[in-house]
Amino acid sequence: MFIQASEDTNKTNAALFSPFWNEIINSLREEDYISNREMDLLSMPNNAGSLRLVQWPLFLLSSKILLATDLALDCKDTQEDLWNRICRDEYMAYAVQECYYSIEQILFSLVDGVGKLWVERIFREVNTSISENSLVITLLFKKLPVVLSRFTALTGLLIRNETPELAKGAAKAVYDVYEVVTHELLSHDLREQLDTWNILQRARNEGRLFSRIEWPKDPAIKELVKRLHLLLTVKDSAANIPKNLEARRRLEFFTNSLFMDMPSAKPVSEMMPFW
């Protein structure tokens, strides 16, 4: 459903392009044409990490998760029909994929033991449903807004510097994610399977389930957390970023120059000498 055959090539090209794009963005910030927030939205990840798709500048993906959620809430058709509707907007499709894979990697990095087993089970079930084109049966899409609100609360804590109080809050936020995913998002059958899973049930009853988390320290995970939080919260229109007219002019000049048809150079033997 998600990854296309050409994605590896696209990711390689994005990795080559991003340093040049980011050099322009950095210079705009140094000259005070854009704010720190606009810099976060305009900068492009280096695309050298393990995430399995191209990561675009966030201003291209802003509000796309909210729009995709609305499409899912209105969905009365099959998974394939829903995905085709999402894919009519290429950046919406990228936003949905990045959100999904980022949540997977972030949760894996936060938990261990029984908690990690739960994460593995959830994503195995969802991935199986995707491959079987039965996601609309496995998940109750009407619960997506509350699920995303729980993830937003979690990332809102994780983007800050760790303190004992925040660590307790983040552990509770992960437990809240567990509760809403298991008991509201999943179908009734899957919910029953997880509730009667002995190892999970025992950890929950003993208060060990998500009692502590591993605060993000790896730079790649910290960047994923920051991007996911912005992906879930930014509502600015791409047309309004950046606000400064000179910054817009420079970016337009740069992007236009990438697609100019330059004349082919003549062979060296046919060039006029400079002397």
C-alpha atoms as a PDB file:
ATOM      1  CA  MET A   1       0.000   0.000   0.000  1.00  0.00           C
ATOM      2  CA  PHE A   2       2.671   2.496   1.000  1.00  0.00           C
ATOM      3  CA  ILE A   3       6.133   2.066  -0.474  1.00  0.00           C
ATOM      4  CA  GLN A   4       6.555   2.423  -4.224  1.00  0.00           C
ATOM      5  CA  ALA A   5       9.294   0.714  -6.208  1.00  0.00           C
ATOM      6  CA  SER A   6      10.968   4.011  -7.104  1.00  0.00           C
ATOM      7  CA  GLU A   7      11.140   5.228  -3.497  1.00  0.00           C
ATOM      8  CA  ASP A   8      14.792   4.245  -3.011  1.00  0.00           C
ATOM      9  CA  THR A   9      15.779   6.333  -6.045  1.00  0.00           C
ATOM     10  CA  ASN A  10      13.674   9.268  -4.838  1.00  0.00           C
ATOM     11  CA  LYS A  11      15.298   9.065  -1.393  1.00  0.00           C
ATOM     12  CA  THR A  12      18.785   9.029  -2.929  1.00  0.00           C
ATOM     13  CA  ASN A  13      17.960  12.094  -5.027  1.00  0.00           C
ATOM     14  CA  ALA A  14      16.473  13.845  -1.993  1.00  0.00           C
ATOM     15  CA  ALA A  15      19.651  13.148  -0.006  1.00  0.00           C
ATOM     16  CA  LEU A  16      21.689  14.785  -2.782  1.00  0.00           C
ATOM     17  CA  PHE A  17      19.352  17.780  -3.030  1.00  0.00           C
ATOM     18  CA  SER A  18      18.826  18.555   0.669  1.00  0.00           C
ATOM     19  CA  PRO A  19      22.281  20.092   1.434  1.00  0.00           C
ATOM     20  CA  PHE A  20      21.847  22.695  -1.327  1.00  0.00           C
ATOM     21  CA  TRP A  21      18.294  23.532  -0.264  1.00  0.00           C
ATOM     22  CA  ASN A  22      19.266  23.797   3.405  1.00  0.00           C
ATOM     23  CA  GLU A  23      22.190  26.084   2.564  1.00  0.00           C
ATOM     24  CA  ILE A  24      19.683  28.542   1.086  1.00  0.00           C
ATOM     25  CA  ILE A  25      17.407  28.221   4.133  1.00  0.00           C
ATOM     26  CA  ASN A  26      20.319  28.748   6.548  1.00  0.00           C
ATOM     27  CA  SER A  27      21.423  31.876   4.703  1.00  0.00           C
ATOM     28  CA  LEU A  28      17.877  33.270   4.864  1.00  0.00           C
ATOM     29  CA  ARG A  29      17.852  32.722   8.620  1.00  0.00           C
ATOM     30  CA  GLU A  30      21.306  34.275   9.061  1.00  0.00           C
ATOM     31  CA  GLU A  31      20.091  37.377   7.223  1.00  0.00           C
ATOM     32  CA  ASP A  32      16.956  37.392   9.384  1.00  0.00           C
ATOM     33  CA  TYR A  33      14.551  36.981   6.454  1.00  0.00           C
ATOM     34  CA  ILE A  34      12.861  34.019   8.143  1.00  0.00           C
ATOM     35  CA  SER A  35      12.115  33.103  11.773  1.00  0.00           C
ATOM     36  CA  ASN A  36      13.342  30.037  13.644  1.00  0.00           C
ATOM     37  CA  ARG A  37       9.901  28.468  13.247  1.00  0.00           C
ATOM     38  CA  GLU A  38       9.899  29.105   9.499  1.00  0.00           C
ATOM     39  CA  MET A  39      13.386  27.618   9.327  1.00  0.00           C
ATOM     40  CA  ASP A  40      12.065  24.435  10.981  1.00  0.00           C
ATOM     41  CA  LEU A  41       9.241  24.254   8.443  1.00  0.00           C
ATOM     42  CA  LEU A  42      11.416  25.015   5.418  1.00  0.00           C
ATOM     43  CA  SER A  43      14.457  22.867   6.210  1.00  0.00           C
ATOM     44  CA  MET A  44      14.719  19.444   4.606  1.00  0.00           C
ATOM     45  CA  PRO A  45      15.996  16.360   6.468  1.00  0.00           C
ATOM     46  CA  ASN A  46      19.155  14.815   5.048  1.00  0.00           C
ATOM     47  CA  ASN A  47      17.164  11.687   4.110  1.00  0.00           C
ATOM     48  CA  ALA A  48      20.089   9.506   5.177  1.00  0.00           C
ATOM     49  CA  GLY A  49      18.274   7.818   8.063  1.00  0.00           C
ATOM     50  CA  SER A  50      16.376   4.547   8.288  1.00  0.00           C
ATOM     51  CA  LEU A  51      12.940   5.998   7.523  1.00  0.00           C
ATOM     52  CA  ARG A  52      11.722   4.258   4.384  1.00  0.00           C
ATOM     53  CA  LEU A  53      10.541   7.236   2.378  1.00  0.00           C
ATOM     54  CA  VAL A  54      11.503  10.761   1.315  1.00  0.00           C
ATOM     55  CA  GLN A  55      11.107  13.366   4.050  1.00  0.00           C
ATOM     56  CA  TRP A  56      10.083  16.683   2.521  1.00  0.00           C
ATOM     57  CA  PRO A  57      10.217  20.124   4.145  1.00  0.00           C
ATOM     58  CA  LEU A  58       7.351  20.316   6.612  1.00  0.00           C
ATOM     59  CA  PHE A  59       5.721  23.352   5.023  1.00  0.00           C
ATOM     60  CA  LEU A  60       4.740  21.085   2.112  1.00  0.00           C
ATOM     61  CA  LEU A  61       3.088  18.630   4.528  1.00  0.00           C
ATOM     62  CA  SER A  62       1.337  21.087   6.861  1.00  0.00           C
ATOM     63  CA  SER A  63      -2.327  20.262   7.604  1.00  0.00           C
ATOM     64  CA  LYS A  64      -2.087  17.105   5.476  1.00  0.00           C
ATOM     65  CA  ILE A  65      -2.605  14.761   8.448  1.00  0.00           C
ATOM     66  CA  LEU A  66      -5.729  16.674   9.472  1.00  0.00           C
ATOM     67  CA  LEU A  67      -7.075  16.491   5.922  1.00  0.00           C
ATOM     68  CA  ALA A  68      -6.255  12.781   5.640  1.00  0.00           C
ATOM     69  CA  THR A  69      -8.039  12.172   8.953  1.00  0.00           C
ATOM     70  CA  ASP A  70     -11.133  13.900   7.576  1.00  0.00           C
ATOM     71  CA  LEU A  71     -11.021  11.624   4.526  1.00  0.00           C
ATOM     72  CA  ALA A  72     -10.755   8.582   6.787  1.00  0.00           C
ATOM     73  CA  LEU A  73     -13.691   9.757   8.904  1.00  0.00           C
ATOM     74  CA  ASP A  74     -15.798  10.123   5.741  1.00  0.00           C
ATOM     75  CA  CYS A  75     -14.654   6.763   4.366  1.00  0.00           C
ATOM     76  CA  LYS A  76     -17.514   4.422   3.526  1.00  0.00           C
ATOM     77  CA  ASP A  77     -15.564   2.415   0.971  1.00  0.00           C
ATOM     78  CA  THR A  78     -12.565   0.086   0.945  1.00  0.00           C
ATOM     79  CA  GLN A  79      -9.022   0.716   2.129  1.00  0.00           C
ATOM     80  CA  GLU A  80      -7.896   0.903  -1.494  1.00  0.00           C
ATOM     81  CA  ASP A  81     -10.484   3.571  -2.306  1.00  0.00           C
ATOM     82  CA  LEU A  82      -9.411   5.620   0.720  1.00  0.00           C
ATOM     83  CA  TRP A  83      -5.724   5.351  -0.170  1.00  0.00           C
ATOM     84  CA  ASN A  84      -6.451   6.379  -3.780  1.00  0.00           C
ATOM     85  CA  ARG A  85      -8.243   9.474  -2.507  1.00  0.00           C
ATOM     86  CA  ILE A  86      -5.305  10.333  -0.244  1.00  0.00           C
ATOM     87  CA  CYS A  87      -2.827   9.794  -3.097  1.00  0.00           C
ATOM     88  CA  ARG A  88      -4.546  12.440  -5.240  1.00  0.00           C
ATOM     89  CA  ASP A  89      -2.455  14.809  -3.121  1.00  0.00           C
ATOM     90  CA  GLU A  90       1.112  13.477  -3.326  1.00  0.00           C
ATOM     91  CA  TYR A  91       2.246  15.373  -0.235  1.00  0.00           C
ATOM     92  CA  MET A  92      -0.715  14.113   1.772  1.00  0.00           C
ATOM     93  CA  ALA A  93       0.372  10.554   0.940  1.00  0.00           C
ATOM     94  CA  TYR A  94       3.925  11.360   2.079  1.00  0.00           C
ATOM     95  CA  ALA A  95       2.604  12.939   5.291  1.00  0.00           C
ATOM     96  CA  VAL A  96       0.497   9.870   6.142  1.00  0.00           C
ATOM     97  CA  GLN A  97       3.426   7.519   5.519  1.00  0.00           C
ATOM     98  CA  GLU A  98       5.896   9.624   7.507  1.00  0.00           C
ATOM     99  CA  CYS A  99       3.449   9.886  10.408  1.00  0.00           C
ATOM    100  CA  TYR A 100       2.936   6.105  10.477  1.00  0.00           C
ATOM    101  CA  TYR A 101       6.596   5.123  10.243  1.00  0.00           C
ATOM    102  CA  SER A 102       7.696   7.851  12.672  1.00  0.00           C
ATOM    103  CA  ILE A 103       5.215   6.691  15.315  1.00  0.00           C
ATOM    104  CA  GLU A 104       6.497   3.142  14.898  1.00  0.00           C
ATOM    105  CA  GLN A 105      10.164   4.116  15.323  1.00  0.00           C
ATOM    106  CA  ILE A 106       9.498   6.522  18.195  1.00  0.00           C
ATOM    107  CA  LEU A 107       7.451   4.001  20.190  1.00  0.00           C
ATOM    108  CA  PHE A 108      10.099   1.301  19.664  1.00  0.00           C
ATOM    109  CA  SER A 109      12.759   3.686  20.975  1.00  0.00           C
ATOM    110  CA  LEU A 110      10.748   4.640  24.081  1.00  0.00           C
ATOM    111  CA  VAL A 111       9.759   1.274  25.523  1.00  0.00           C
ATOM    112  CA  ASP A 112      11.302  -2.072  26.387  1.00  0.00           C
ATOM    113  CA  GLY A 113      10.238  -5.482  27.691  1.00  0.00           C
ATOM    114  CA  VAL A 114       6.504  -6.133  27.540  1.00  0.00           C
ATOM    115  CA  GLY A 115       5.877  -2.655  26.178  1.00  0.00           C
ATOM    116  CA  LYS A 116       8.014  -3.402  23.136  1.00  0.00           C
ATOM    117  CA  LEU A 117       6.102  -6.668  22.618  1.00  0.00           C
ATOM    118  CA  TRP A 118       2.867  -4.662  22.526  1.00  0.00           C
ATOM    119  CA  VAL A 119       4.276  -2.225  19.965  1.00  0.00           C
ATOM    120  CA  GLU A 120       5.484  -5.119  17.794  1.00  0.00           C
ATOM    121  CA  ARG A 121       2.077  -6.808  18.006  1.00  0.00           C
ATOM    122  CA  ILE A 122       0.155  -3.659  17.092  1.00  0.00           C
ATOM    123  CA  PHE A 123       2.243  -2.877  14.034  1.00  0.00           C
ATOM    124  CA  ARG A 124       2.277  -6.519  12.936  1.00  0.00           C
ATOM    125  CA  GLU A 125      -1.522  -6.589  13.046  1.00  0.00           C
ATOM    126  CA  VAL A 126      -1.852  -3.270  11.218  1.00  0.00           C
ATOM    127  CA  ASN A 127       0.709  -4.207   8.556  1.00  0.00           C
ATOM    128  CA  THR A 128      -1.079  -7.524   7.984  1.00  0.00           C
ATOM    129  CA  SER A 129      -4.366  -5.660   7.576  1.00  0.00           C
ATOM    130  CA  ILE A 130      -2.754  -3.284   5.093  1.00  0.00           C
ATOM    131  CA  SER A 131      -1.422  -6.184   3.016  1.00  0.00           C
ATOM    132  CA  GLU A 132      -4.843  -7.871   3.119  1.00  0.00           C
ATOM    133  CA  ASN A 133      -6.681  -4.649   2.234  1.00  0.00           C
ATOM    134  CA  SER A 134      -8.750  -4.908   5.437  1.00  0.00           C
ATOM    135  CA  LEU A 135      -7.628  -1.850   7.405  1.00  0.00           C
ATOM    136  CA  VAL A 136     -11.162  -0.409   7.486  1.00  0.00           C
ATOM    137  CA  ILE A 137     -12.182  -3.524   9.445  1.00  0.00           C
ATOM    138  CA  THR A 138      -9.171  -3.679  11.787  1.00  0.00           C
ATOM    139  CA  LEU A 139      -9.312  -0.004  12.816  1.00  0.00           C
ATOM    140  CA  LEU A 140     -12.237   2.164  13.862  1.00  0.00           C
ATOM    141  CA  PHE A 141     -11.402   5.311  11.906  1.00  0.00           C
ATOM    142  CA  LYS A 142     -13.837   7.427  13.918  1.00  0.00           C
ATOM    143  CA  LYS A 143     -11.361   7.127  16.809  1.00  0.00           C
ATOM    144  CA  LEU A 144      -8.406   8.542  14.820  1.00  0.00           C
ATOM    145  CA  PRO A 145      -8.790  12.127  16.152  1.00  0.00           C
ATOM    146  CA  VAL A 146      -8.480  11.033  19.789  1.00  0.00           C
ATOM    147  CA  VAL A 147      -5.562   8.716  18.941  1.00  0.00           C
ATOM    148  CA  LEU A 148      -3.697  11.544  17.212  1.00  0.00           C
ATOM    149  CA  SER A 149      -4.433  13.875  20.132  1.00  0.00           C
ATOM    150  CA  ARG A 150      -2.740  11.370  22.465  1.00  0.00           C
ATOM    151  CA  PHE A 151       0.334  11.201  20.234  1.00  0.00           C
ATOM    152  CA  THR A 152       0.409  15.002  20.060  1.00  0.00           C
ATOM    153  CA  ALA A 153       0.380  15.179  23.854  1.00  0.00           C
ATOM    154  CA  LEU A 154       3.243  12.656  23.986  1.00  0.00           C
ATOM    155  CA  THR A 155       5.444  14.431  21.436  1.00  0.00           C
ATOM    156  CA  GLY A 156       4.697  17.744  23.117  1.00  0.00           C
ATOM    157  CA  LEU A 157       6.492  16.394  26.185  1.00  0.00           C
ATOM    158  CA  LEU A 158       9.304  14.606  24.361  1.00  0.00           C
ATOM    159  CA  ILE A 159      10.448  17.699  22.435  1.00  0.00           C
ATOM    160  CA  ARG A 160      11.450  19.259  25.763  1.00  0.00           C
ATOM    161  CA  ASN A 161      14.533  18.579  27.846  1.00  0.00           C
ATOM    162  CA  GLU A 162      14.106  15.639  30.191  1.00  0.00           C
ATOM    163  CA  THR A 163      13.240  16.233  33.850  1.00  0.00           C
ATOM    164  CA  PRO A 164      11.952  13.702  36.420  1.00  0.00           C
ATOM    165  CA  GLU A 165       8.508  15.303  36.238  1.00  0.00           C
ATOM    166  CA  LEU A 166       8.413  15.225  32.439  1.00  0.00           C
ATOM    167  CA  ALA A 167       9.614  11.616  32.437  1.00  0.00           C
ATOM    168  CA  LYS A 168       6.641  10.652  34.635  1.00  0.00           C
ATOM    169  CA  GLY A 169       4.308  12.629  32.389  1.00  0.00           C
ATOM    170  CA  ALA A 170       5.704  10.986  29.249  1.00  0.00           C
ATOM    171  CA  ALA A 171       5.328   7.489  30.759  1.00  0.00           C
ATOM    172  CA  LYS A 172       1.680   8.289  31.504  1.00  0.00           C
ATOM    173  CA  ALA A 173       1.256   9.687  27.982  1.00  0.00           C
ATOM    174  CA  VAL A 174       2.573   6.415  26.494  1.00  0.00           C
ATOM    175  CA  TYR A 175       0.113   4.498  28.685  1.00  0.00           C
ATOM    176  CA  ASP A 176      -2.668   6.778  27.426  1.00  0.00           C
ATOM    177  CA  VAL A 177      -1.618   5.907  23.858  1.00  0.00           C
ATOM    178  CA  TYR A 178      -1.775   2.216  24.765  1.00  0.00           C
ATOM    179  CA  GLU A 179      -5.259   2.616  26.254  1.00  0.00           C
ATOM    180  CA  VAL A 180      -6.785   4.496  23.340  1.00  0.00           C
ATOM    181  CA  VAL A 181      -5.161   2.299  20.668  1.00  0.00           C
ATOM    182  CA  THR A 182      -6.049  -0.992  22.363  1.00  0.00           C
ATOM    183  CA  HIS A 183      -9.521  -0.164  23.666  1.00  0.00           C
ATOM    184  CA  GLU A 184     -10.837   2.357  21.141  1.00  0.00           C
ATOM    185  CA  LEU A 185      -8.975   2.191  17.823  1.00  0.00           C
ATOM    186  CA  LEU A 186      -8.724  -1.588  17.335  1.00  0.00           C
ATOM    187  CA  SER A 187     -11.595  -3.819  16.320  1.00  0.00           C
ATOM    188  CA  HIS A 188     -13.479  -5.744  19.012  1.00  0.00           C
ATOM    189  CA  ASP A 189     -11.785  -9.072  18.181  1.00  0.00           C
ATOM    190  CA  LEU A 190      -8.262  -7.644  18.368  1.00  0.00           C
ATOM    191  CA  ARG A 191      -9.127  -5.801  21.557  1.00  0.00           C
ATOM    192  CA  GLU A 192     -10.188  -9.053  23.208  1.00  0.00           C
ATOM    193  CA  GLN A 193      -7.025 -10.835  22.049  1.00  0.00           C
ATOM    194  CA  LEU A 194      -4.810  -8.147  23.578  1.00  0.00           C
ATOM    195  CA  ASP A 195      -6.800  -7.923  26.810  1.00  0.00           C
ATOM    196  CA  THR A 196      -6.427 -11.673  27.358  1.00  0.00           C
ATOM    197  CA  TRP A 197      -2.733 -11.791  26.362  1.00  0.00           C
ATOM    198  CA  ASN A 198      -1.235 -13.190  29.587  1.00  0.00           C
ATOM    199  CA  ILE A 199       2.140 -11.449  29.558  1.00  0.00           C
ATOM    200  CA  LEU A 200       0.528  -8.082  28.818  1.00  0.00           C
ATOM    201  CA  GLN A 201      -2.266  -8.603  31.309  1.00  0.00           C
ATOM    202  CA  ARG A 202       0.198  -9.499  34.090  1.00  0.00           C
ATOM    203  CA  ALA A 203       2.400  -6.450  33.434  1.00  0.00           C
ATOM    204  CA  ARG A 204      -0.645  -4.189  33.418  1.00  0.00           C
ATOM    205  CA  ASN A 205      -2.035  -5.626  36.646  1.00  0.00           C
ATOM    206  CA  GLU A 206       1.354  -5.310  38.376  1.00  0.00           C
ATOM    207  CA  GLY A 207       1.755  -1.688  37.228  1.00  0.00           C
ATOM    208  CA  ARG A 208       4.879  -2.478  35.176  1.00  0.00           C
ATOM    209  CA  LEU A 209       3.423  -1.686  31.756  1.00  0.00           C
ATOM    210  CA  PHE A 210       5.023   1.552  30.503  1.00  0.00           C
ATOM    211  CA  SER A 211       6.017   2.469  34.069  1.00  0.00           C
ATOM    212  CA  ARG A 212       9.146   4.131  32.635  1.00  0.00           C
ATOM    213  CA  ILE A 213      10.382   5.130  29.212  1.00  0.00           C
ATOM    214  CA  GLU A 214      13.735   5.736  27.545  1.00  0.00           C
ATOM    215  CA  TRP A 215      13.868   9.492  26.897  1.00  0.00           C
ATOM    216  CA  PRO A 216      14.980  10.271  23.313  1.00  0.00           C
ATOM    217  CA  LYS A 217      18.704  11.001  23.254  1.00  0.00           C
ATOM    218  CA  ASP A 218      19.690   9.780  19.811  1.00  0.00           C
ATOM    219  CA  PRO A 219      19.756  12.816  17.443  1.00  0.00           C
ATOM    220  CA  ALA A 220      17.860  10.928  14.728  1.00  0.00           C
ATOM    221  CA  ILE A 221      15.030   9.984  17.124  1.00  0.00           C
ATOM    222  CA  LYS A 222      14.918  13.502  18.571  1.00  0.00           C
ATOM    223  CA  GLU A 223      14.532  14.880  15.050  1.00  0.00           C
ATOM    224  CA  LEU A 224      11.766  12.344  14.331  1.00  0.00           C
ATOM    225  CA  VAL A 225       9.925  13.433  17.486  1.00  0.00           C
ATOM    226  CA  LYS A 226      10.236  17.109  16.574  1.00  0.00           C
ATOM    227  CA  ARG A 227       9.043  16.527  12.997  1.00  0.00           C
ATOM    228  CA  LEU A 228       6.137  14.342  14.114  1.00  0.00           C
ATOM    229  CA  HIS A 229       4.992  16.980  16.598  1.00  0.00           C
ATOM    230  CA  LEU A 230       5.064  19.657  13.898  1.00  0.00           C
ATOM    231  CA  LEU A 231       3.394  17.311  11.418  1.00  0.00           C
ATOM    232  CA  LEU A 232       0.519  16.821  13.862  1.00  0.00           C
ATOM    233  CA  THR A 233       0.160  20.463  14.921  1.00  0.00           C
ATOM    234  CA  VAL A 234       1.157  22.882  12.140  1.00  0.00           C
ATOM    235  CA  LYS A 235      -1.814  24.284  10.243  1.00  0.00           C
ATOM    236  CA  ASP A 236      -0.103  27.031   8.226  1.00  0.00           C
ATOM    237  CA  SER A 237      -0.755  27.057   4.513  1.00  0.00           C
ATOM    238  CA  ALA A 238       2.317  26.319   2.395  1.00  0.00           C
ATOM    239  CA  ALA A 239       1.439  29.418   0.366  1.00  0.00           C
ATOM    240  CA  ASN A 240       2.125  31.602   3.433  1.00  0.00           C
ATOM    241  CA  ILE A 241       5.598  30.226   4.208  1.00  0.00           C
ATOM    242  CA  PRO A 242       7.835  32.168   4.311  1.00  0.00           C
ATOM    243  CA  LYS A 243       6.033  35.452   4.969  1.00  0.00           C
ATOM    244  CA  ASN A 244       8.934  37.713   3.979  1.00  0.00           C
ATOM    245  CA  LEU A 245       8.703  38.706   0.302  1.00  0.00           C
ATOM    246  CA  GLU A 246      12.477  38.806  -0.242  1.00  0.00           C
ATOM    247  CA  ALA A 247      12.776  35.283   1.191  1.00  0.00           C
ATOM    248  CA  ARG A 248      10.057  34.129  -1.195  1.00  0.00           C
ATOM    249  CA  ARG A 249      11.775  35.793  -4.138  1.00  0.00           C
ATOM    250  CA  ARG A 250      15.087  34.080  -3.396  1.00  0.00           C
ATOM    251  CA  LEU A 251      13.486  30.668  -2.960  1.00  0.00           C
ATOM    252  CA  GLU A 252      11.521  31.078  -6.188  1.00  0.00           C
ATOM    253  CA  PHE A 253      14.685  32.065  -8.029  1.00  0.00           C
ATOM    254  CA  PHE A 254      16.515  29.032  -6.652  1.00  0.00           C
ATOM    255  CA  THR A 255      13.746  26.552  -7.488  1.00  0.00           C
ATOM    256  CA  ASN A 256      13.163  28.049 -10.937  1.00  0.00           C
ATOM    257  CA  SER A 257      16.867  27.828 -11.749  1.00  0.00           C
ATOM    258  CA  LEU A 258      16.758  24.086 -11.054  1.00  0.00           C
ATOM    259  CA  PHE A 259      14.368  23.534 -13.916  1.00  0.00           C
ATOM    260  CA  MET A 260      15.804  25.924 -16.499  1.00  0.00           C
ATOM    261  CA  ASP A 261      16.649  24.437 -19.892  1.00  0.00           C
ATOM    262  CA  MET A 262      20.308  25.269 -20.228  1.00  0.00           C
ATOM    263  CA  PRO A 263      21.915  25.084 -23.692  1.00  0.00           C
ATOM    264  CA  SER A 264      24.285  22.173 -24.216  1.00  0.00           C
ATOM    265  CA  ALA A 265      27.928  23.133 -23.990  1.00  0.00           C
ATOM    266  CA  LYS A 266      29.967  22.972 -27.208  1.00  0.00           C
ATOM    267  CA  PRO A 267      32.963  20.683 -27.444  1.00  0.00           C
ATOM    268  CA  VAL A 268      36.137  22.308 -26.158  1.00  0.00           C
ATOM    269  CA  SER A 269      37.631  22.265 -29.674  1.00  0.00           C
ATOM    270  CA  GLU A 270      34.835  24.524 -30.944  1.00  0.00           C
ATOM    271  CA  MET A 271      35.050  27.107 -28.174  1.00  0.00           C
ATOM    272  CA  MET A 272      36.529  30.507 -28.924  1.00  0.00           C
ATOM    273  CA  PRO A 273      39.841  31.035 -27.147  1.00  0.00           C
ATOM    274  CA  PHE A 274      40.064  33.783 -24.552  1.00  0.00           C
ATOM    275  CA  TRP A 275      43.295  35.101 -25.988  1.00  0.00           C
END
